[in-house]
Amino acid sequence: MRAVRLNKYDTTPELVDVAEPAIESPLDVIVRIGGAGVCRTDLHIIEGQWEEKSGVELPYTLGHENAGWVHAVGSAVSNVSVGDPVILHPLATCGLCRACRDGDDVHCVNSAFPGIDSDGGYADLLRTNARAVVKLDPKLAPADVAALADAGLTAYHAARKAAKVLRPGEKVVVIGAGGLGHIGIQALKALTPAQLIVIDRSKAALALAKELGAEYTVPADGDHVDAVLELTGGEGAEAVVDFVGEGGAVEDGIAVLRRAGNYYVVGYGGNLVVPTIDVISTEINFIGNLVGSYNDLAELMVLAAQGKVTLHTSTYPLADYAKALEDLDRGHVRGRAILVP
């Protein structure tokens, strides 16, 4: 089969022929890929930023946002059958550790993360396990939802946390309306009555945010902090969901967060530097977000099937993986790029 393999950091991956994955465990599931999301994390992986954290041995196959059809199953798999359309939770978890038993499978201590620490979905086939597959509503095509497996899941995970504490009349600032942000906006609109204030440098992204239901859009033009404070009566917003996490976004986000507000960190690359006296005197909270649970993904698929969360995508044949990565790196992708084998 074909697979896009990273042979060396800071070099372009190569499309090569490799052996097909085989069933090795009774709970294994092999999926024929129908769509694999191209994520900015993939660029960071290629650059070597994840080398120490993932511990993966090169070469290996990229791709951690995957959906397709069940190709083969182990003898103990009962939740899906060959031919079923599925989306894959990014983690293949054990089900036995304390985190899994608490339903907090994103923190499974024995998990594999295909596309990060093991072979992923930039390929014709991918092996995962039965705990990772979410059966799709027949109206959902794998290529249309593949990026929801990580980008969408992460955005939904943060939105769901924020929605638990947001009340009618309150405001939430969304920083970034791009690949993750446009999904987060939809999730917040589906889950909370709070009003959305969206900040972005791109006029097109702000127009999309307005189309998706944001009550206010603010261009990041240097006056955006003052504009947000004006919209919030000078007090700031009850929540900030930061899909950027670098380039001044963190400092701006803190500046528009009100007392006792919650700051949800999703994007990364920058540094969080806050005097501890400011944290305790205002009781602001900083909350990290890494993908989401299996149940988060299942809930997100319900919203997708209902048409409440849609993904803006640009598709590329698997052979054009290098162009997809280049377009993403140069900011030429609207929404999410999807490789289709």
Protein backbone atom coordinates (compact mmCIF):
# COMPACT_ATOMS: atom_id res chain seq x y z
CA MET A 1 0.00 0.00 0.00
CA ARG A 2 0.99 3.67 -0.27
CA ALA A 3 2.07 5.71 2.75
CA VAL A 4 3.59 9.15 3.32
CA ARG A 5 6.62 8.49 5.51
CA LEU A 6 8.83 10.89 7.43
CA ASN A 7 12.39 9.61 7.09
CA LYS A 8 14.30 12.52 8.61
CA TYR A 9 13.32 15.67 10.48
CA ASP A 10 13.36 18.96 8.57
CA THR A 11 12.97 17.16 5.24
CA THR A 12 9.92 16.59 3.05
CA PRO A 13 8.22 13.23 3.72
CA GLU A 14 8.15 10.66 0.91
CA LEU A 15 5.32 8.66 -0.63
CA VAL A 16 6.45 5.03 -0.67
CA ASP A 17 5.06 1.51 -0.86
CA VAL A 18 4.92 -0.34 2.47
CA ALA A 19 3.39 -3.56 3.74
CA GLU A 20 -0.29 -3.43 4.67
CA PRO A 21 -1.06 -3.49 8.41
CA ALA A 22 -2.31 -6.82 9.71
CA ILE A 23 -4.60 -7.79 12.58
CA GLU A 24 -2.35 -8.51 15.58
CA SER A 25 -4.81 -8.36 18.47
CA PRO A 26 -8.44 -9.49 18.94
CA LEU A 27 -9.49 -5.83 19.37
CA ASP A 28 -7.61 -4.49 16.34
CA VAL A 29 -9.49 -2.63 13.63
CA ILE A 30 -7.96 -1.86 10.23
CA VAL A 31 -9.52 1.10 8.44
CA ARG A 32 -9.36 1.94 4.75
CA ILE A 33 -8.72 5.67 4.83
CA GLY A 34 -11.33 7.89 3.17
CA GLY A 35 -9.83 11.15 4.39
CA ALA A 36 -6.81 12.22 6.44
CA GLY A 37 -6.60 15.74 7.81
CA VAL A 38 -3.46 17.79 7.25
CA CYS A 39 -2.79 19.56 10.53
CA ARG A 40 -0.35 22.26 11.58
CA THR A 41 0.93 19.74 14.14
CA ASP A 42 2.17 17.73 11.15
CA LEU A 43 4.34 20.69 10.19
CA HIS A 44 5.69 20.84 13.75
CA ILE A 45 6.39 17.09 13.64
CA ILE A 46 8.34 17.45 10.39
CA GLU A 47 10.33 20.30 11.97
CA GLY A 48 11.24 17.99 14.87
CA GLN A 49 9.31 19.83 17.58
CA TRP A 50 7.67 16.58 18.74
CA GLU A 51 10.77 14.39 18.54
CA GLU A 52 11.39 14.14 22.29
CA LYS A 53 7.75 14.22 23.35
CA SER A 54 6.52 11.50 20.99
CA GLY A 55 9.55 9.20 21.15
CA VAL A 56 8.65 7.86 17.71
CA GLU A 57 11.27 6.03 15.67
CA LEU A 58 11.74 7.19 12.09
CA PRO A 59 10.67 6.41 9.47
CA TYR A 60 6.96 6.40 10.19
CA THR A 61 3.68 7.41 8.57
CA LEU A 62 2.15 10.80 9.37
CA GLY A 63 -1.55 11.59 9.82
CA HIS A 64 -3.55 11.77 13.06
CA GLU A 65 -6.97 13.00 11.78
CA ASN A 66 -8.53 10.01 10.10
CA ALA A 67 -11.82 8.62 8.87
CA GLY A 68 -12.77 5.88 6.44
CA TRP A 69 -14.35 2.45 6.28
CA VAL A 70 -13.68 -0.65 8.36
CA HIS A 71 -11.49 -2.97 6.29
CA ALA A 72 -10.82 -5.79 8.79
CA VAL A 73 -11.52 -6.54 12.46
CA GLY A 74 -10.07 -8.72 15.19
CA SER A 75 -11.98 -11.66 16.61
CA ALA A 76 -13.24 -9.74 19.68
CA VAL A 77 -14.51 -6.62 17.89
CA SER A 78 -18.28 -6.26 18.22
CA ASN A 79 -19.01 -2.54 17.87
CA VAL A 80 -18.27 -2.23 14.12
CA SER A 81 -18.31 -4.48 11.06
CA VAL A 82 -16.39 -4.55 7.81
CA GLY A 83 -17.68 -1.80 5.54
CA ASP A 84 -18.93 0.52 8.29
CA PRO A 85 -18.00 4.20 7.85
CA VAL A 86 -16.06 5.39 10.89
CA ILE A 87 -14.09 8.29 12.28
CA LEU A 88 -11.14 7.49 14.50
CA HIS A 89 -10.51 8.92 17.91
CA PRO A 90 -6.84 9.95 17.68
CA LEU A 91 -5.88 7.74 20.63
CA ALA A 92 -6.03 3.96 20.68
CA THR A 93 -6.57 3.45 24.41
CA CYS A 94 -6.33 0.45 26.73
CA GLY A 95 -9.64 0.66 28.63
CA LEU A 96 -8.03 -0.74 31.77
CA CYS A 97 -6.13 2.13 33.42
CA ARG A 98 -7.71 4.46 35.97
CA ALA A 99 -8.10 7.30 33.45
CA CYS A 100 -9.94 5.07 30.97
CA ARG A 101 -12.19 3.69 33.69
CA ASP A 102 -13.05 7.27 34.68
CA GLY A 103 -14.03 8.06 31.10
CA ASP A 104 -10.98 10.29 30.82
CA ASP A 105 -9.47 8.22 28.05
CA VAL A 106 -7.52 11.15 26.60
CA HIS A 107 -5.14 10.64 29.54
CA CYS A 108 -4.83 6.87 29.12
CA VAL A 109 -1.40 5.80 30.36
CA ASN A 110 -1.11 2.98 27.80
CA SER A 111 -2.37 4.69 24.67
CA ALA A 112 -0.96 4.82 21.16
CA PHE A 113 -1.39 7.98 19.08
CA PRO A 114 -1.30 6.98 15.38
CA GLY A 115 0.32 9.73 13.36
CA ILE A 116 2.22 11.02 16.41
CA ASP A 117 3.98 8.06 18.06
CA SER A 118 3.06 5.30 15.60
CA ASP A 119 2.01 4.90 11.95
CA GLY A 120 -0.84 7.22 10.98
CA GLY A 121 -3.36 7.78 8.23
CA TYR A 122 -1.47 9.44 5.35
CA ALA A 123 -1.88 6.02 3.76
CA ASP A 124 -4.34 3.62 2.21
CA LEU A 125 -4.84 1.66 5.45
CA LEU A 126 -4.40 2.30 9.18
CA ARG A 127 -4.51 -0.04 12.19
CA THR A 128 -6.19 1.17 15.39
CA ASN A 129 -8.39 -0.58 17.98
CA ALA A 130 -12.08 -1.03 18.67
CA ARG A 131 -12.09 1.62 21.41
CA ALA A 132 -11.05 4.30 18.89
CA VAL A 133 -13.70 3.86 16.19
CA VAL A 134 -16.89 5.93 16.16
CA LYS A 135 -19.46 4.71 13.66
CA LEU A 136 -20.63 7.50 11.37
CA ASP A 137 -24.15 8.47 10.47
CA PRO A 138 -24.65 7.34 6.84
CA LYS A 139 -25.14 10.96 5.75
CA LEU A 140 -21.56 11.83 6.78
CA ALA A 141 -18.76 11.14 4.29
CA PRO A 142 -15.36 10.27 5.85
CA ALA A 143 -13.48 12.93 3.84
CA ASP A 144 -15.94 15.60 5.02
CA VAL A 145 -15.41 14.89 8.73
CA ALA A 146 -11.87 13.51 8.97
CA ALA A 147 -10.35 16.68 10.46
CA LEU A 148 -12.99 16.65 13.19
CA ALA A 149 -11.05 13.69 14.63
CA ASP A 150 -8.44 16.05 16.09
CA ALA A 151 -8.98 19.69 15.17
CA GLY A 152 -12.72 19.42 15.66
CA LEU A 153 -12.38 17.23 18.72
CA THR A 154 -9.94 19.65 20.35
CA ALA A 155 -12.17 22.63 19.56
CA TYR A 156 -15.25 20.81 20.85
CA HIS A 157 -13.41 19.69 24.00
CA ALA A 158 -12.57 23.31 24.87
CA ALA A 159 -16.03 24.58 23.93
CA ARG A 160 -17.68 21.91 26.07
CA LYS A 161 -15.58 22.91 29.09
CA ALA A 162 -16.45 26.57 28.58
CA ALA A 163 -20.15 25.83 28.06
CA LYS A 164 -20.41 24.20 31.48
CA VAL A 165 -19.85 27.52 33.23
CA LEU A 166 -21.11 30.12 30.73
CA ARG A 167 -24.55 31.64 31.34
CA PRO A 168 -27.01 33.65 29.25
CA GLY A 169 -25.86 37.23 28.83
CA GLU A 170 -22.18 36.40 29.30
CA LYS A 171 -19.54 36.78 26.64
CA VAL A 172 -16.77 34.54 25.35
CA VAL A 173 -13.86 35.79 23.26
CA VAL A 174 -12.62 33.43 20.54
CA ILE A 175 -9.10 34.22 19.33
CA GLY A 176 -8.61 32.82 15.83
CA ALA A 177 -11.33 31.79 13.39
CA GLY A 178 -9.21 29.51 11.19
CA GLY A 179 -8.97 25.73 10.99
CA LEU A 180 -9.77 25.09 14.66
CA GLY A 181 -11.48 28.34 15.47
CA HIS A 182 -14.27 28.04 12.92
CA ILE A 183 -15.16 24.67 14.44
CA GLY A 184 -14.99 26.07 17.98
CA ILE A 185 -17.35 28.88 17.04
CA GLN A 186 -19.94 26.39 15.84
CA ALA A 187 -19.54 24.20 18.91
CA LEU A 188 -19.94 27.17 21.23
CA LYS A 189 -23.06 28.29 19.36
CA ALA A 190 -24.51 24.79 19.71
CA LEU A 191 -23.66 24.37 23.40
CA THR A 192 -23.97 27.77 25.06
CA PRO A 193 -26.23 30.85 25.08
CA ALA A 194 -23.25 33.16 25.67
CA GLN A 195 -22.45 35.81 23.07
CA LEU A 196 -19.35 35.30 20.93
CA ILE A 197 -16.71 37.93 20.21
CA VAL A 198 -14.29 36.67 17.55
CA ILE A 199 -10.85 38.19 16.94
CA ASP A 200 -8.81 37.45 13.80
CA ARG A 201 -6.41 39.21 11.43
CA SER A 202 -8.19 37.87 8.37
CA LYS A 203 -11.23 39.66 6.97
CA ALA A 204 -12.32 36.41 5.32
CA ALA A 205 -12.08 34.53 8.63
CA LEU A 206 -14.12 37.21 10.38
CA ALA A 207 -16.73 37.08 7.62
CA LEU A 208 -16.95 33.31 8.09
CA ALA A 209 -17.25 33.76 11.88
CA LYS A 210 -20.16 36.14 11.35
CA GLU A 211 -21.75 33.65 8.96
CA LEU A 212 -21.40 30.95 11.62
CA GLY A 213 -23.27 33.03 14.20
CA ALA A 214 -20.71 35.17 16.05
CA GLU A 215 -22.44 38.20 17.53
CA TYR A 216 -19.35 40.39 17.24
CA THR A 217 -16.23 40.24 15.05
CA VAL A 218 -13.14 42.30 15.81
CA PRO A 219 -10.17 42.71 13.44
CA ALA A 220 -6.79 42.17 15.12
CA ASP A 221 -5.51 45.55 14.01
CA GLY A 222 -3.80 46.81 17.16
CA ASP A 223 -6.94 48.32 18.64
CA HIS A 224 -8.70 45.02 19.22
CA VAL A 225 -8.13 44.84 22.98
CA ASP A 226 -9.80 48.22 23.45
CA ALA A 227 -12.62 47.17 21.11
CA VAL A 228 -13.31 44.02 23.13
CA LEU A 229 -13.21 45.89 26.41
CA GLU A 230 -15.73 48.35 25.02
CA LEU A 231 -18.02 45.48 24.00
CA THR A 232 -17.79 44.05 27.52
CA GLY A 233 -18.42 47.29 29.40
CA GLY A 234 -14.76 47.58 30.33
CA GLU A 235 -14.82 44.41 32.45
CA GLY A 236 -13.65 41.83 29.93
CA ALA A 237 -15.22 38.53 28.92
CA GLU A 238 -16.13 35.66 31.22
CA ALA A 239 -14.17 33.27 28.99
CA VAL A 240 -11.43 33.38 26.38
CA VAL A 241 -10.86 30.44 24.04
CA ASP A 242 -7.46 30.92 22.40
CA PHE A 243 -6.95 28.94 19.19
CA VAL A 244 -3.71 30.79 18.37
CA GLY A 245 -1.49 30.67 21.48
CA GLU A 246 1.40 32.70 20.04
CA GLY A 247 2.34 35.97 18.38
CA GLY A 248 0.84 38.18 21.10
CA ALA A 249 -2.47 36.30 21.28
CA VAL A 250 -1.88 35.18 24.88
CA GLU A 251 -1.11 38.69 26.12
CA ASP A 252 -4.15 40.10 24.32
CA GLY A 253 -6.36 37.30 25.63
CA ILE A 254 -5.35 37.94 29.23
CA ALA A 255 -6.01 41.65 28.72
CA VAL A 256 -9.64 40.97 27.73
CA LEU A 257 -10.35 38.40 30.47
CA ARG A 258 -12.48 39.62 33.35
CA ARG A 259 -12.00 38.85 37.03
CA ALA A 260 -12.64 35.16 37.84
CA GLY A 261 -12.62 34.46 34.11
CA ASN A 262 -11.46 31.25 32.44
CA TYR A 263 -8.76 31.17 29.77
CA TYR A 264 -8.88 28.03 27.60
CA VAL A 265 -5.52 27.38 25.94
CA VAL A 266 -5.84 25.47 22.65
CA GLY A 267 -3.25 26.92 20.27
CA TYR A 268 0.38 26.72 21.28
CA GLY A 269 3.82 28.03 20.43
CA GLY A 270 4.03 31.04 22.73
CA ASN A 271 4.66 31.38 26.44
CA LEU A 272 2.29 32.04 29.31
CA VAL A 273 3.90 34.62 31.57
CA VAL A 274 1.62 35.98 34.27
CA PRO A 275 2.64 37.42 37.64
CA THR A 276 1.25 35.10 40.29
CA ILE A 277 -0.14 38.07 42.20
CA ASP A 278 -2.33 38.84 39.17
CA VAL A 279 -3.61 35.27 39.16
CA ILE A 280 -4.60 35.24 42.82
CA SER A 281 -5.85 38.83 43.02
CA THR A 282 -8.26 38.35 40.12
CA GLU A 283 -8.82 34.58 40.48
CA ILE A 284 -8.36 33.98 36.76
CA ASN A 285 -7.93 30.40 35.60
CA PHE A 286 -5.84 28.89 32.82
CA ILE A 287 -7.10 25.59 31.40
CA GLY A 288 -5.21 23.42 28.92
CA ASN A 289 -6.90 21.40 26.19
CA LEU A 290 -5.49 18.34 24.42
CA VAL A 291 -7.83 16.66 21.94
CA GLY A 292 -10.84 15.23 23.82
CA SER A 293 -12.49 12.05 25.00
CA TYR A 294 -14.19 9.36 22.94
CA ASN A 295 -17.54 10.65 24.19
CA ASP A 296 -16.58 14.17 23.07
CA LEU A 297 -16.00 12.83 19.56
CA ALA A 298 -19.26 10.86 19.57
CA GLU A 299 -21.15 14.00 20.65
CA LEU A 300 -19.42 16.05 17.97
CA MET A 301 -20.54 13.53 15.33
CA VAL A 302 -24.13 14.04 16.49
CA LEU A 303 -23.77 17.79 15.93
CA ALA A 304 -22.17 17.13 12.54
CA ALA A 305 -25.03 14.83 11.50
CA GLN A 306 -27.50 17.52 12.62
CA GLY A 307 -25.71 20.10 10.48
CA LYS A 308 -24.78 22.21 13.50
CA VAL A 309 -21.04 21.75 12.94
CA THR A 310 -19.69 21.73 9.40
CA LEU A 311 -16.10 21.60 8.27
CA HIS A 312 -14.72 23.84 5.56
CA THR A 313 -12.26 21.68 3.63
CA SER A 314 -9.90 21.63 0.67
CA THR A 315 -9.19 18.13 -0.63
CA TYR A 316 -5.96 16.84 -2.18
CA PRO A 317 -5.11 13.42 -3.63
CA LEU A 318 -2.71 11.49 -1.42
CA ALA A 319 -0.01 11.92 -4.07
CA ASP A 320 -0.27 15.72 -3.63
CA TYR A 321 0.58 15.57 0.09
CA ALA A 322 3.60 17.89 -0.38
CA LYS A 323 1.42 20.60 -1.93
CA ALA A 324 -1.12 20.24 0.88
CA LEU A 325 1.61 20.68 3.49
CA GLU A 326 3.07 23.65 1.59
CA ASP A 327 -0.32 25.33 1.18
CA LEU A 328 -1.00 24.91 4.89
CA ASP A 329 2.41 26.30 5.81
CA ARG A 330 1.85 29.35 3.59
CA GLY A 331 -1.64 30.02 4.91
CA HIS A 332 -3.37 29.16 1.62
CA VAL A 333 -5.82 26.63 3.07
CA ARG A 334 -9.30 27.83 3.99
CA GLY A 335 -10.56 25.63 6.80
CA ARG A 336 -8.81 22.23 6.75
CA ALA A 337 -6.81 20.38 4.12
CA ILE A 338 -7.79 16.72 3.57
CA LEU A 339 -5.78 14.01 1.83
CA VAL A 340 -7.93 11.49 -0.02
CA PRO A 341 -6.19 8.21 -1.02
